[in-house]
């Protein structure tokens, strides 16, 4: 999870709150399998929903029992910024779930991870 937090902050300039919302959206995509598109190879599954991509990779570190998940908003090719649909999705998740315990737990985990990495906007 730390790799998602660090990259989303460095590349997309997302705040800890926005990253917690993104993580919750990724979790919900994986759990519900309601997607816009899905593609699979022998070791990876690519899931797209609302211009957010989730990648599940099997055989992490050459062990078939290990899986790793990553997720990110797709960058707009013209503006080189996070796609508007992905940005709006993150805001919507925050508005709908920001006060719920599941989001609070993710926000706490993001907070703990930011103390381990150089995080833009951290106080």
PDB file of N, CA and C in Angstrom:
ATOM      1  N   UNK A   1       0.816  -1.182   0.000  1.00  0.00           N
ATOM      2  CA  UNK A   1       0.000   0.000   0.000  1.00  0.00           C
ATOM      3  C   UNK A   1       0.869   1.259   0.000  1.00  0.00           C
ATOM      4  N   UNK A   2       2.028   1.190   0.605  1.00  0.00           N
ATOM      5  CA  UNK A   2       2.895   2.373   0.669  1.00  0.00           C
ATOM      6  C   UNK A   2       3.275   2.834  -0.732  1.00  0.00           C
ATOM      7  N   UNK A   3       3.492   1.878  -1.647  1.00  0.00           N
ATOM      8  CA  UNK A   3       3.876   2.275  -3.006  1.00  0.00           C
ATOM      9  C   UNK A   3       2.758   3.079  -3.680  1.00  0.00           C
ATOM     10  N   UNK A   4       1.507   2.735  -3.422  1.00  0.00           N
ATOM     11  CA  UNK A   4       0.386   3.484  -3.990  1.00  0.00           C
ATOM     12  C   UNK A   4       0.357   4.890  -3.387  1.00  0.00           C
ATOM     13  N   UNK A   5       0.485   4.965  -2.086  1.00  0.00           N
ATOM     14  CA  UNK A   5       0.438   6.259  -1.389  1.00  0.00           C
ATOM     15  C   UNK A   5       1.535   7.184  -1.896  1.00  0.00           C
ATOM     16  N   UNK A   6       2.752   6.669  -1.947  1.00  0.00           N
ATOM     17  CA  UNK A   6       3.874   7.502  -2.357  1.00  0.00           C
ATOM     18  C   UNK A   6       3.739   7.954  -3.811  1.00  0.00           C
ATOM     19  N   UNK A   7       3.407   7.043  -4.704  1.00  0.00           N
ATOM     20  CA  UNK A   7       3.306   7.397  -6.127  1.00  0.00           C
ATOM     21  C   UNK A   7       2.141   8.342  -6.402  1.00  0.00           C
ATOM     22  N   UNK A   8       1.018   8.128  -5.746  1.00  0.00           N
ATOM     23  CA  UNK A   8      -0.134   9.005  -6.002  1.00  0.00           C
ATOM     24  C   UNK A   8       0.128  10.409  -5.485  1.00  0.00           C
ATOM     25  N   UNK A   9       0.899  10.520  -4.430  1.00  0.00           N
ATOM     26  CA  UNK A   9       1.261  11.839  -3.928  1.00  0.00           C
ATOM     27  C   UNK A   9       2.294  12.492  -4.831  1.00  0.00           C
ATOM     28  N   UNK A  10       3.336  11.752  -5.203  1.00  0.00           N
ATOM     29  CA  UNK A  10       4.412  12.303  -6.031  1.00  0.00           C
ATOM     30  C   UNK A  10       3.938  12.653  -7.437  1.00  0.00           C
ATOM     31  N   UNK A  11       3.217  11.759  -8.063  1.00  0.00           N
ATOM     32  CA  UNK A  11       2.854  11.940  -9.468  1.00  0.00           C
ATOM     33  C   UNK A  11       1.572  12.751  -9.626  1.00  0.00           C
ATOM     34  N   UNK A  12       0.555  12.436  -8.820  1.00  0.00           N
ATOM     35  CA  UNK A  12      -0.766  13.050  -8.991  1.00  0.00           C
ATOM     36  C   UNK A  12      -1.037  14.187  -8.018  1.00  0.00           C
ATOM     37  N   UNK A  13      -0.110  14.431  -7.080  1.00  0.00           N
ATOM     38  CA  UNK A  13      -0.274  15.468  -6.057  1.00  0.00           C
ATOM     39  C   UNK A  13      -1.553  15.283  -5.235  1.00  0.00           C
ATOM     40  N   UNK A  14      -1.928  14.032  -4.980  1.00  0.00           N
ATOM     41  CA  UNK A  14      -3.114  13.770  -4.166  1.00  0.00           C
ATOM     42  C   UNK A  14      -2.783  13.946  -2.690  1.00  0.00           C
ATOM     43  N   UNK A  15      -3.743  14.445  -1.951  1.00  0.00           N
ATOM     44  CA  UNK A  15      -3.596  14.590  -0.500  1.00  0.00           C
ATOM     45  C   UNK A  15      -3.834  13.231   0.162  1.00  0.00           C
ATOM     46  N   UNK A  16      -3.542  13.138   1.443  1.00  0.00           N
ATOM     47  CA  UNK A  16      -3.780  11.901   2.192  1.00  0.00           C
ATOM     48  C   UNK A  16      -5.264  11.520   2.147  1.00  0.00           C
ATOM     49  N   UNK A  17      -6.140  12.496   2.270  1.00  0.00           N
ATOM     50  CA  UNK A  17      -7.589  12.260   2.221  1.00  0.00           C
ATOM     51  C   UNK A  17      -8.001  11.695   0.861  1.00  0.00           C
ATOM     52  N   UNK A  18      -7.463  12.285  -0.215  1.00  0.00           N
ATOM     53  CA  UNK A  18      -7.785  11.813  -1.566  1.00  0.00           C
ATOM     54  C   UNK A  18      -7.230  10.418  -1.808  1.00  0.00           C
ATOM     55  N   UNK A  19      -6.055  10.137  -1.287  1.00  0.00           N
ATOM     56  CA  UNK A  19      -5.466   8.807  -1.450  1.00  0.00           C
ATOM     57  C   UNK A  19      -6.299   7.770  -0.703  1.00  0.00           C
ATOM     58  N   UNK A  20      -6.770   8.107   0.493  1.00  0.00           N
ATOM     59  CA  UNK A  20      -7.639   7.180   1.237  1.00  0.00           C
ATOM     60  C   UNK A  20      -8.901   6.878   0.426  1.00  0.00           C
ATOM     61  N   UNK A  21      -9.466   7.885  -0.229  1.00  0.00           N
ATOM     62  CA  UNK A  21     -10.648   7.685  -1.063  1.00  0.00           C
ATOM     63  C   UNK A  21     -10.321   6.811  -2.270  1.00  0.00           C
ATOM     64  N   UNK A  22      -9.171   7.034  -2.883  1.00  0.00           N
ATOM     65  CA  UNK A  22      -8.745   6.210  -4.009  1.00  0.00           C
ATOM     66  C   UNK A  22      -8.581   4.757  -3.569  1.00  0.00           C
ATOM     67  N   UNK A  23      -7.951   4.535  -2.431  1.00  0.00           N
ATOM     68  CA  UNK A  23      -7.764   3.173  -1.922  1.00  0.00           C
ATOM     69  C   UNK A  23      -9.098   2.484  -1.659  1.00  0.00           C
ATOM     70  N   UNK A  24     -10.047   3.217  -1.119  1.00  0.00           N
ATOM     71  CA  UNK A  24     -11.372   2.645  -0.877  1.00  0.00           C
ATOM     72  C   UNK A  24     -12.032   2.285  -2.202  1.00  0.00           C
ATOM     73  N   UNK A  25     -11.913   3.138  -3.206  1.00  0.00           N
ATOM     74  CA  UNK A  25     -12.486   2.857  -4.521  1.00  0.00           C
ATOM     75  C   UNK A  25     -11.826   1.617  -5.126  1.00  0.00           C
ATOM     76  N   UNK A  26     -10.505   1.502  -5.015  1.00  0.00           N
ATOM     77  CA  UNK A  26      -9.788   0.330  -5.519  1.00  0.00           C
ATOM     78  C   UNK A  26     -10.302  -0.931  -4.831  1.00  0.00           C
ATOM     79  N   UNK A  27     -10.443  -0.860  -3.518  1.00  0.00           N
ATOM     80  CA  UNK A  27     -10.944  -2.006  -2.743  1.00  0.00           C
ATOM     81  C   UNK A  27     -12.335  -2.410  -3.233  1.00  0.00           C
ATOM     82  N   UNK A  28     -13.189  -1.448  -3.446  1.00  0.00           N
ATOM     83  CA  UNK A  28     -14.554  -1.735  -3.903  1.00  0.00           C
ATOM     84  C   UNK A  28     -14.577  -2.318  -5.319  1.00  0.00           C
ATOM     85  N   UNK A  29     -13.699  -1.833  -6.193  1.00  0.00           N
ATOM     86  CA  UNK A  29     -13.612  -2.399  -7.543  1.00  0.00           C
ATOM     87  C   UNK A  29     -13.247  -3.877  -7.463  1.00  0.00           C
ATOM     88  N   UNK A  30     -12.219  -4.184  -6.682  1.00  0.00           N
ATOM     89  CA  UNK A  30     -11.747  -5.562  -6.572  1.00  0.00           C
ATOM     90  C   UNK A  30     -12.823  -6.457  -5.960  1.00  0.00           C
ATOM     91  N   UNK A  31     -13.517  -5.970  -4.958  1.00  0.00           N
ATOM     92  CA  UNK A  31     -14.538  -6.781  -4.273  1.00  0.00           C
ATOM     93  C   UNK A  31     -15.792  -6.994  -5.114  1.00  0.00           C
ATOM     94  N   UNK A  32     -16.237  -5.983  -5.846  1.00  0.00           N
ATOM     95  CA  UNK A  32     -17.511  -6.088  -6.564  1.00  0.00           C
ATOM     96  C   UNK A  32     -17.355  -6.536  -8.008  1.00  0.00           C
ATOM     97  N   UNK A  33     -16.173  -6.334  -8.575  1.00  0.00           N
ATOM     98  CA  UNK A  33     -15.899  -6.683  -9.965  1.00  0.00           C
ATOM     99  C   UNK A  33     -16.806  -5.947 -10.947  1.00  0.00           C
ATOM    100  N   UNK A  34     -17.416  -4.829 -10.544  1.00  0.00           N
ATOM    101  CA  UNK A  34     -18.194  -3.996 -11.458  1.00  0.00           C
ATOM    102  C   UNK A  34     -17.219  -3.043 -12.125  1.00  0.00           C
ATOM    103  N   UNK A  35     -16.950  -3.276 -13.407  1.00  0.00           N
ATOM    104  CA  UNK A  35     -15.909  -2.531 -14.085  1.00  0.00           C
ATOM    105  C   UNK A  35     -16.392  -1.985 -15.424  1.00  0.00           C
ATOM    106  N   UNK A  36     -15.625  -1.057 -15.952  1.00  0.00           N
ATOM    107  CA  UNK A  36     -15.855  -0.568 -17.312  1.00  0.00           C
ATOM    108  C   UNK A  36     -15.173  -1.494 -18.313  1.00  0.00           C
ATOM    109  N   UNK A  37     -14.002  -2.008 -17.944  1.00  0.00           N
ATOM    110  CA  UNK A  37     -13.300  -2.964 -18.791  1.00  0.00           C
ATOM    111  C   UNK A  37     -12.409  -3.850 -17.940  1.00  0.00           C
ATOM    112  N   UNK A  38     -12.096  -5.017 -18.491  1.00  0.00           N
ATOM    113  CA  UNK A  38     -11.286  -6.004 -17.782  1.00  0.00           C
ATOM    114  C   UNK A  38     -10.441  -6.729 -18.810  1.00  0.00           C
ATOM    115  N   UNK A  39      -9.175  -6.926 -18.511  1.00  0.00           N
ATOM    116  CA  UNK A  39      -8.278  -7.672 -19.389  1.00  0.00           C
ATOM    117  C   UNK A  39      -7.382  -8.515 -18.488  1.00  0.00           C
ATOM    118  N   UNK A  40      -6.999  -9.678 -18.967  1.00  0.00           N
ATOM    119  CA  UNK A  40      -6.227 -10.582 -18.126  1.00  0.00           C
ATOM    120  C   UNK A  40      -5.124 -11.244 -18.938  1.00  0.00           C
ATOM    121  N   UNK A  41      -3.958 -11.422 -18.299  1.00  0.00           N
ATOM    122  CA  UNK A  41      -2.872 -12.218 -18.862  1.00  0.00           C
ATOM    123  C   UNK A  41      -2.662 -13.386 -17.901  1.00  0.00           C
ATOM    124  N   UNK A  42      -1.597 -14.136 -18.084  1.00  0.00           N
ATOM    125  CA  UNK A  42      -1.330 -15.263 -17.179  1.00  0.00           C
ATOM    126  C   UNK A  42      -1.059 -14.823 -15.754  1.00  0.00           C
ATOM    127  N   UNK A  43      -0.469 -13.647 -15.599  1.00  0.00           N
ATOM    128  CA  UNK A  43      -0.076 -13.222 -14.249  1.00  0.00           C
ATOM    129  C   UNK A  43      -0.701 -11.914 -13.797  1.00  0.00           C
ATOM    130  N   UNK A  44      -1.441 -11.227 -14.667  1.00  0.00           N
ATOM    131  CA  UNK A  44      -1.997  -9.927 -14.299  1.00  0.00           C
ATOM    132  C   UNK A  44      -3.443  -9.778 -14.744  1.00  0.00           C
ATOM    133  N   UNK A  45      -4.177  -9.014 -13.945  1.00  0.00           N
ATOM    134  CA  UNK A  45      -5.526  -8.604 -14.327  1.00  0.00           C
ATOM    135  C   UNK A  45      -5.554  -7.085 -14.303  1.00  0.00           C
ATOM    136  N   UNK A  46      -6.097  -6.506 -15.366  1.00  0.00           N
ATOM    137  CA  UNK A  46      -6.209  -5.056 -15.498  1.00  0.00           C
ATOM    138  C   UNK A  46      -7.690  -4.697 -15.449  1.00  0.00           C
ATOM    139  N   UNK A  47      -8.063  -3.899 -14.466  1.00  0.00           N
ATOM    140  CA  UNK A  47      -9.458  -3.538 -14.269  1.00  0.00           C
ATOM    141  C   UNK A  47      -9.567  -2.017 -14.366  1.00  0.00           C
ATOM    142  N   UNK A  48     -10.510  -1.534 -15.163  1.00  0.00           N
ATOM    143  CA  UNK A  48     -10.711  -0.089 -15.317  1.00  0.00           C
ATOM    144  C   UNK A  48     -12.125   0.280 -14.919  1.00  0.00           C
ATOM    145  N   UNK A  49     -12.234   1.345 -14.138  1.00  0.00           N
ATOM    146  CA  UNK A  49     -13.534   1.859 -13.717  1.00  0.00           C
ATOM    147  C   UNK A  49     -13.391   3.354 -13.493  1.00  0.00           C
ATOM    148  N   UNK A  50     -14.220   4.160 -14.169  1.00  0.00           N
ATOM    149  CA  UNK A  50     -14.219   5.619 -14.003  1.00  0.00           C
ATOM    150  C   UNK A  50     -12.831   6.225 -14.187  1.00  0.00           C
ATOM    151  N   UNK A  51     -12.105   5.731 -15.179  1.00  0.00           N
ATOM    152  CA  UNK A  51     -10.752   6.210 -15.511  1.00  0.00           C
ATOM    153  C   UNK A  51      -9.751   5.976 -14.379  1.00  0.00           C
ATOM    154  N   UNK A  52     -10.043   4.985 -13.544  1.00  0.00           N
ATOM    155  CA  UNK A  52      -9.101   4.525 -12.527  1.00  0.00           C
ATOM    156  C   UNK A  52      -8.761   3.087 -12.871  1.00  0.00           C
ATOM    157  N   UNK A  53      -7.476   2.783 -12.912  1.00  0.00           N
ATOM    158  CA  UNK A  53      -7.016   1.443 -13.265  1.00  0.00           C
ATOM    159  C   UNK A  53      -6.507   0.722 -12.025  1.00  0.00           C
ATOM    160  N   UNK A  54      -6.923  -0.523 -11.895  1.00  0.00           N
ATOM    161  CA  UNK A  54      -6.454  -1.408 -10.832  1.00  0.00           C
ATOM    162  C   UNK A  54      -5.729  -2.555 -11.507  1.00  0.00           C
ATOM    163  N   UNK A  55      -4.549  -2.886 -11.009  1.00  0.00           N
ATOM    164  CA  UNK A  55      -3.798  -4.014 -11.545  1.00  0.00           C
ATOM    165  C   UNK A  55      -3.560  -5.005 -10.409  1.00  0.00           C
ATOM    166  N   UNK A  56      -3.970  -6.236 -10.640  1.00  0.00           N
ATOM    167  CA  UNK A  56      -3.699  -7.332  -9.716  1.00  0.00           C
ATOM    168  C   UNK A  56      -2.616  -8.194 -10.358  1.00  0.00           C
ATOM    169  N   UNK A  57      -1.533  -8.410  -9.646  1.00  0.00           N
ATOM    170  CA  UNK A  57      -0.448  -9.212 -10.201  1.00  0.00           C
ATOM    171  C   UNK A  57      -0.229 -10.452  -9.360  1.00  0.00           C
ATOM    172  N   UNK A  58      -0.331 -11.599 -10.008  1.00  0.00           N
ATOM    173  CA  UNK A  58      -0.102 -12.893  -9.365  1.00  0.00           C
ATOM    174  C   UNK A  58       1.370 -13.239  -9.521  1.00  0.00           C
ATOM    175  N   UNK A  59       1.842 -14.114  -8.674  1.00  0.00           N
ATOM    176  CA  UNK A  59       3.209 -14.603  -8.764  1.00  0.00           C
ATOM    177  C   UNK A  59       4.207 -13.525  -8.380  1.00  0.00           C
ATOM    178  N   UNK A  60       3.836 -12.708  -7.404  1.00  0.00           N
ATOM    179  CA  UNK A  60       4.723 -11.661  -6.919  1.00  0.00           C
ATOM    180  C   UNK A  60       5.941 -12.288  -6.275  1.00  0.00           C
ATOM    181  N   UNK A  61       7.107 -11.847  -6.671  1.00  0.00           N
ATOM    182  CA  UNK A  61       8.380 -12.375  -6.185  1.00  0.00           C
ATOM    183  C   UNK A  61       8.472 -13.883  -6.407  1.00  0.00           C
ATOM    184  N   UNK A  62       7.978 -14.307  -7.584  1.00  0.00           N
ATOM    185  CA  UNK A  62       8.060 -15.695  -8.042  1.00  0.00           C
ATOM    186  C   UNK A  62       7.377 -16.695  -7.118  1.00  0.00           C
ATOM    187  N   UNK A  63       6.331 -16.280  -6.462  1.00  0.00           N
ATOM    188  CA  UNK A  63       5.565 -17.175  -5.593  1.00  0.00           C
ATOM    189  C   UNK A  63       4.095 -17.077  -5.994  1.00  0.00           C
ATOM    190  N   UNK A  64       3.521 -18.175  -6.498  1.00  0.00           N
ATOM    191  CA  UNK A  64       2.138 -18.173  -6.984  1.00  0.00           C
ATOM    192  C   UNK A  64       1.112 -17.873  -5.894  1.00  0.00           C
ATOM    193  N   UNK A  65       1.505 -17.936  -4.650  1.00  0.00           N
ATOM    194  CA  UNK A  65       0.566 -17.638  -3.569  1.00  0.00           C
ATOM    195  C   UNK A  65       0.486 -16.148  -3.277  1.00  0.00           C
ATOM    196  N   UNK A  66       1.427 -15.376  -3.806  1.00  0.00           N
ATOM    197  CA  UNK A  66       1.476 -13.936  -3.525  1.00  0.00           C
ATOM    198  C   UNK A  66       0.806 -13.137  -4.627  1.00  0.00           C
ATOM    199  N   UNK A  67       0.013 -12.158  -4.205  1.00  0.00           N
ATOM    200  CA  UNK A  67      -0.623 -11.214  -5.114  1.00  0.00           C
ATOM    201  C   UNK A  67      -0.257  -9.810  -4.658  1.00  0.00           C
ATOM    202  N   UNK A  68      -0.143  -8.900  -5.607  1.00  0.00           N
ATOM    203  CA  UNK A  68       0.039  -7.501  -5.262  1.00  0.00           C
ATOM    204  C   UNK A  68      -1.010  -6.710  -6.037  1.00  0.00           C
ATOM    205  N   UNK A  69      -1.492  -5.663  -5.420  1.00  0.00           N
ATOM    206  CA  UNK A  69      -2.481  -4.798  -6.067  1.00  0.00           C
ATOM    207  C   UNK A  69      -1.917  -3.388  -6.149  1.00  0.00           C
ATOM    208  N   UNK A  70      -2.195  -2.730  -7.247  1.00  0.00           N
ATOM    209  CA  UNK A  70      -1.867  -1.328  -7.373  1.00  0.00           C
ATOM    210  C   UNK A  70      -3.024  -0.642  -8.083  1.00  0.00           C
ATOM    211  N   UNK A  71      -3.101   0.641  -7.960  1.00  0.00           N
ATOM    212  CA  UNK A  71      -4.173   1.376  -8.611  1.00  0.00           C
ATOM    213  C   UNK A  71      -3.799   2.831  -8.763  1.00  0.00           C
ATOM    214  N   UNK A  72      -4.360   3.430  -9.805  1.00  0.00           N
ATOM    215  CA  UNK A  72      -4.060   4.832 -10.065  1.00  0.00           C
ATOM    216  C   UNK A  72      -5.097   5.415 -11.007  1.00  0.00           C
ATOM    217  N   UNK A  73      -5.240   6.718 -10.938  1.00  0.00           N
ATOM    218  CA  UNK A  73      -6.076   7.422 -11.901  1.00  0.00           C
ATOM    219  C   UNK A  73      -5.308   7.580 -13.195  1.00  0.00           C
ATOM    220  N   UNK A  74      -6.005   7.472 -14.301  1.00  0.00           N
ATOM    221  CA  UNK A  74      -5.365   7.588 -15.603  1.00  0.00           C
ATOM    222  C   UNK A  74      -5.093   9.061 -15.896  1.00  0.00           C
ATOM    223  N   UNK A  75      -3.899   9.342 -16.359  1.00  0.00           N
ATOM    224  CA  UNK A  75      -3.462  10.703 -16.649  1.00  0.00           C
ATOM    225  C   UNK A  75      -3.999  11.123 -18.018  1.00  0.00           C
ATOM    226  N   UNK A  76      -4.537  12.325 -18.097  1.00  0.00           N
ATOM    227  CA  UNK A  76      -5.026  12.877 -19.361  1.00  0.00           C
ATOM    228  C   UNK A  76      -3.832  13.165 -20.266  1.00  0.00           C
ATOM    229  N   UNK A  77      -3.876  12.678 -21.500  1.00  0.00           N
ATOM    230  CA  UNK A  77      -2.725  12.806 -22.399  1.00  0.00           C
ATOM    231  C   UNK A  77      -2.446  14.257 -22.808  1.00  0.00           C
ATOM    232  N   UNK A  78      -3.470  15.104 -22.843  1.00  0.00           N
ATOM    233  CA  UNK A  78      -3.257  16.499 -23.244  1.00  0.00           C
ATOM    234  C   UNK A  78      -2.774  17.367 -22.095  1.00  0.00           C
ATOM    235  N   UNK A  79      -3.479  17.313 -20.973  1.00  0.00           N
ATOM    236  CA  UNK A  79      -3.132  18.195 -19.854  1.00  0.00           C
ATOM    237  C   UNK A  79      -2.008  17.631 -18.988  1.00  0.00           C
ATOM    238  N   UNK A  80      -1.743  16.332 -19.111  1.00  0.00           N
ATOM    239  CA  UNK A  80      -0.723  15.641 -18.293  1.00  0.00           C
ATOM    240  C   UNK A  80      -1.080  15.664 -16.814  1.00  0.00           C
ATOM    241  N   UNK A  81      -2.376  15.812 -16.521  1.00  0.00           N
ATOM    242  CA  UNK A  81      -2.861  15.790 -15.149  1.00  0.00           C
ATOM    243  C   UNK A  81      -3.852  14.642 -15.000  1.00  0.00           C
ATOM    244  N   UNK A  82      -4.205  14.360 -13.770  1.00  0.00           N
ATOM    245  CA  UNK A  82      -5.159  13.298 -13.488  1.00  0.00           C
ATOM    246  C   UNK A  82      -6.445  13.574 -14.243  1.00  0.00           C
ATOM    247  N   UNK A  83      -6.949  12.562 -14.918  1.00  0.00           N
ATOM    248  CA  UNK A  83      -8.171  12.686 -15.709  1.00  0.00           C
ATOM    249  C   UNK A  83      -9.310  13.215 -14.852  1.00  0.00           C
ATOM    250  N   UNK A  84     -10.131  14.087 -15.429  1.00  0.00           N
ATOM    251  CA  UNK A  84     -11.227  14.717 -14.704  1.00  0.00           C
ATOM    252  C   UNK A  84     -12.191  13.680 -14.123  1.00  0.00           C
ATOM    253  N   UNK A  85     -12.500  12.633 -14.877  1.00  0.00           N
ATOM    254  CA  UNK A  85     -13.420  11.603 -14.372  1.00  0.00           C
ATOM    255  C   UNK A  85     -12.837  10.903 -13.146  1.00  0.00           C
ATOM    256  N   UNK A  86     -11.544  10.619 -13.170  1.00  0.00           N
ATOM    257  CA  UNK A  86     -10.895   9.999 -12.014  1.00  0.00           C
ATOM    258  C   UNK A  86     -10.915  10.942 -10.817  1.00  0.00           C
ATOM    259  N   UNK A  87     -10.632  12.232 -11.056  1.00  0.00           N
ATOM    260  CA  UNK A  87     -10.661  13.232  -9.989  1.00  0.00           C
ATOM    261  C   UNK A  87     -12.046  13.323  -9.366  1.00  0.00           C
ATOM    262  N   UNK A  88     -13.074  13.370 -10.206  1.00  0.00           N
ATOM    263  CA  UNK A  88     -14.449  13.450  -9.709  1.00  0.00           C
ATOM    264  C   UNK A  88     -14.843  12.183  -8.951  1.00  0.00           C
ATOM    265  N   UNK A  89     -14.374  11.038  -9.391  1.00  0.00           N
ATOM    266  CA  UNK A  89     -14.653   9.782  -8.694  1.00  0.00           C
ATOM    267  C   UNK A  89     -14.065   9.807  -7.292  1.00  0.00           C
ATOM    268  N   UNK A  90     -12.832  10.266  -7.164  1.00  0.00           N
ATOM    269  CA  UNK A  90     -12.182  10.356  -5.850  1.00  0.00           C
ATOM    270  C   UNK A  90     -12.956  11.306  -4.941  1.00  0.00           C
ATOM    271  N   UNK A  91     -13.386  12.449  -5.469  1.00  0.00           N
ATOM    272  CA  UNK A  91     -14.172  13.407  -4.677  1.00  0.00           C
ATOM    273  C   UNK A  91     -15.509  12.802  -4.249  1.00  0.00           C
ATOM    274  N   UNK A  92     -16.147  12.059  -5.147  1.00  0.00           N
ATOM    275  CA  UNK A  92     -17.437  11.436  -4.835  1.00  0.00           C
ATOM    276  C   UNK A  92     -17.285  10.394  -3.736  1.00  0.00           C
ATOM    277  N   UNK A  93     -16.250   9.565  -3.834  1.00  0.00           N
ATOM    278  CA  UNK A  93     -16.005   8.551  -2.799  1.00  0.00           C
ATOM    279  C   UNK A  93     -15.779   9.234  -1.460  1.00  0.00           C
ATOM    280  N   UNK A  94     -15.004  10.308  -1.459  1.00  0.00           N
ATOM    281  CA  UNK A  94     -14.739  11.038  -0.221  1.00  0.00           C
ATOM    282  C   UNK A  94     -16.031  11.599   0.366  1.00  0.00           C
ATOM    283  N   UNK A  95     -16.880  12.163  -0.484  1.00  0.00           N
ATOM    284  CA  UNK A  95     -18.152  12.734  -0.007  1.00  0.00           C
ATOM    285  C   UNK A  95     -19.087  11.652   0.532  1.00  0.00           C
ATOM    286  N   UNK A  96     -19.119  10.493  -0.117  1.00  0.00           N
ATOM    287  CA  UNK A  96     -20.033   9.425   0.288  1.00  0.00           C
ATOM    288  C   UNK A  96     -19.541   8.621   1.483  1.00  0.00           C
ATOM    289  N   UNK A  97     -18.224   8.432   1.573  1.00  0.00           N
ATOM    290  CA  UNK A  97     -17.697   7.508   2.576  1.00  0.00           C
ATOM    291  C   UNK A  97     -16.726   8.144   3.567  1.00  0.00           C
ATOM    292  N   UNK A  98     -16.402   9.426   3.411  1.00  0.00           N
ATOM    293  CA  UNK A  98     -15.388  10.062   4.231  1.00  0.00           C
ATOM    294  C   UNK A  98     -15.620   9.968   5.722  1.00  0.00           C
ATOM    295  N   UNK A  99     -16.865   9.862   6.142  1.00  0.00           N
ATOM    296  CA  UNK A  99     -17.186   9.803   7.574  1.00  0.00           C
ATOM    297  C   UNK A  99     -17.338   8.369   8.090  1.00  0.00           C
ATOM    298  N   UNK A 100     -17.280   7.383   7.214  1.00  0.00           N
ATOM    299  CA  UNK A 100     -17.513   5.993   7.619  1.00  0.00           C
ATOM    300  C   UNK A 100     -16.241   5.357   8.168  1.00  0.00           C
ATOM    301  N   UNK A 101     -16.390   4.381   9.065  1.00  0.00           N
ATOM    302  CA  UNK A 101     -15.226   3.751   9.708  1.00  0.00           C
ATOM    303  C   UNK A 101     -14.213   3.159   8.721  1.00  0.00           C
ATOM    304  N   UNK A 102     -14.688   2.550   7.653  1.00  0.00           N
ATOM    305  CA  UNK A 102     -13.773   1.939   6.679  1.00  0.00           C
ATOM    306  C   UNK A 102     -12.848   2.997   6.072  1.00  0.00           C
ATOM    307  N   UNK A 103     -13.395   4.148   5.742  1.00  0.00           N
ATOM    308  CA  UNK A 103     -12.587   5.243   5.179  1.00  0.00           C
ATOM    309  C   UNK A 103     -11.651   5.791   6.251  1.00  0.00           C
ATOM    310  N   UNK A 104     -12.139   5.900   7.460  1.00  0.00           N
ATOM    311  CA  UNK A 104     -11.304   6.400   8.566  1.00  0.00           C
ATOM    312  C   UNK A 104     -10.103   5.496   8.798  1.00  0.00           C
ATOM    313  N   UNK A 105     -10.317   4.177   8.732  1.00  0.00           N
ATOM    314  CA  UNK A 105      -9.200   3.235   8.909  1.00  0.00           C
ATOM    315  C   UNK A 105      -8.168   3.405   7.793  1.00  0.00           C
ATOM    316  N   UNK A 106      -8.638   3.555   6.563  1.00  0.00           N
ATOM    317  CA  UNK A 106      -7.701   3.780   5.454  1.00  0.00           C
ATOM    318  C   UNK A 106      -6.961   5.095   5.618  1.00  0.00           C
ATOM    319  N   UNK A 107      -7.660   6.132   6.060  1.00  0.00           N
ATOM    320  CA  UNK A 107      -7.028   7.441   6.284  1.00  0.00           C
ATOM    321  C   UNK A 107      -5.937   7.318   7.350  1.00  0.00           C
ATOM    322  N   UNK A 108      -6.182   6.533   8.399  1.00  0.00           N
ATOM    323  CA  UNK A 108      -5.175   6.309   9.440  1.00  0.00           C
ATOM    324  C   UNK A 108      -3.963   5.573   8.871  1.00  0.00           C
ATOM    325  N   UNK A 109      -4.200   4.581   8.009  1.00  0.00           N
ATOM    326  CA  UNK A 109      -3.099   3.839   7.399  1.00  0.00           C
ATOM    327  C   UNK A 109      -2.287   4.742   6.475  1.00  0.00           C
ATOM    328  N   UNK A 110      -2.979   5.598   5.721  1.00  0.00           N
ATOM    329  CA  UNK A 110      -2.278   6.556   4.863  1.00  0.00           C
ATOM    330  C   UNK A 110      -1.440   7.485   5.727  1.00  0.00           C
ATOM    331  N   UNK A 111      -2.011   7.949   6.827  1.00  0.00           N
ATOM    332  CA  UNK A 111      -1.274   8.818   7.744  1.00  0.00           C
ATOM    333  C   UNK A 111      -0.029   8.148   8.293  1.00  0.00           C
ATOM    334  N   UNK A 112      -0.144   6.882   8.656  1.00  0.00           N
ATOM    335  CA  UNK A 112       1.013   6.144   9.166  1.00  0.00           C
ATOM    336  C   UNK A 112       2.079   5.991   8.079  1.00  0.00           C
ATOM    337  N   UNK A 113       1.641   5.712   6.858  1.00  0.00           N
ATOM    338  CA  UNK A 113       2.595   5.550   5.760  1.00  0.00           C
ATOM    339  C   UNK A 113       3.289   6.861   5.424  1.00  0.00           C
ATOM    340  N   UNK A 114       2.564   7.969   5.506  1.00  0.00           N
ATOM    341  CA  UNK A 114       3.185   9.265   5.170  1.00  0.00           C
ATOM    342  C   UNK A 114       4.277   9.639   6.150  1.00  0.00           C
ATOM    343  N   UNK A 115       4.214   9.091   7.349  1.00  0.00           N
ATOM    344  CA  UNK A 115       5.275   9.388   8.316  1.00  0.00           C
ATOM    345  C   UNK A 115       6.566   8.660   7.950  1.00  0.00           C
ATOM    346  N   UNK A 116       6.476   7.645   7.079  1.00  0.00           N
ATOM    347  CA  UNK A 116       7.649   6.876   6.671  1.00  0.00           C
ATOM    348  C   UNK A 116       8.287   7.384   5.371  1.00  0.00           C
ATOM    349  N   UNK A 117       7.553   8.165   4.624  1.00  0.00           N
ATOM    350  CA  UNK A 117       8.030   8.609   3.310  1.00  0.00           C
ATOM    351  C   UNK A 117       8.012  10.130   3.240  1.00  0.00           C
ATOM    352  N   UNK A 118       8.708  10.675   2.264  1.00  0.00           N
ATOM    353  CA  UNK A 118       8.601  12.109   2.032  1.00  0.00           C
ATOM    354  C   UNK A 118       7.296  12.347   1.313  1.00  0.00           C
ATOM    355  N   UNK A 119       6.409  13.091   1.938  1.00  0.00           N
ATOM    356  CA  UNK A 119       5.055  13.275   1.444  1.00  0.00           C
ATOM    357  C   UNK A 119       4.819  14.753   1.218  1.00  0.00           C
ATOM    358  N   UNK A 120       4.456  15.117  -0.012  1.00  0.00           N
ATOM    359  CA  UNK A 120       4.149  16.523  -0.312  1.00  0.00           C
ATOM    360  C   UNK A 120       2.925  16.942   0.462  1.00  0.00           C
ATOM    361  N   UNK A 121       2.962  18.090   1.076  1.00  0.00           N
ATOM    362  CA  UNK A 121       1.799  18.613   1.774  1.00  0.00           C
ATOM    363  C   UNK A 121       1.651  18.102   3.191  1.00  0.00           C
ATOM    364  N   UNK A 122       2.570  17.274   3.654  1.00  0.00           N
ATOM    365  CA  UNK A 122       2.506  16.782   5.034  1.00  0.00           C
ATOM    366  C   UNK A 122       2.965  17.895   5.962  1.00  0.00           C
ATOM    367  N   UNK A 123       2.304  17.977   7.102  1.00  0.00           N
ATOM    368  CA  UNK A 123       2.697  19.037   8.046  1.00  0.00           C
ATOM    369  C   UNK A 123       3.735  18.559   9.023  1.00  0.00           C
TER     370      UNK A 123
END
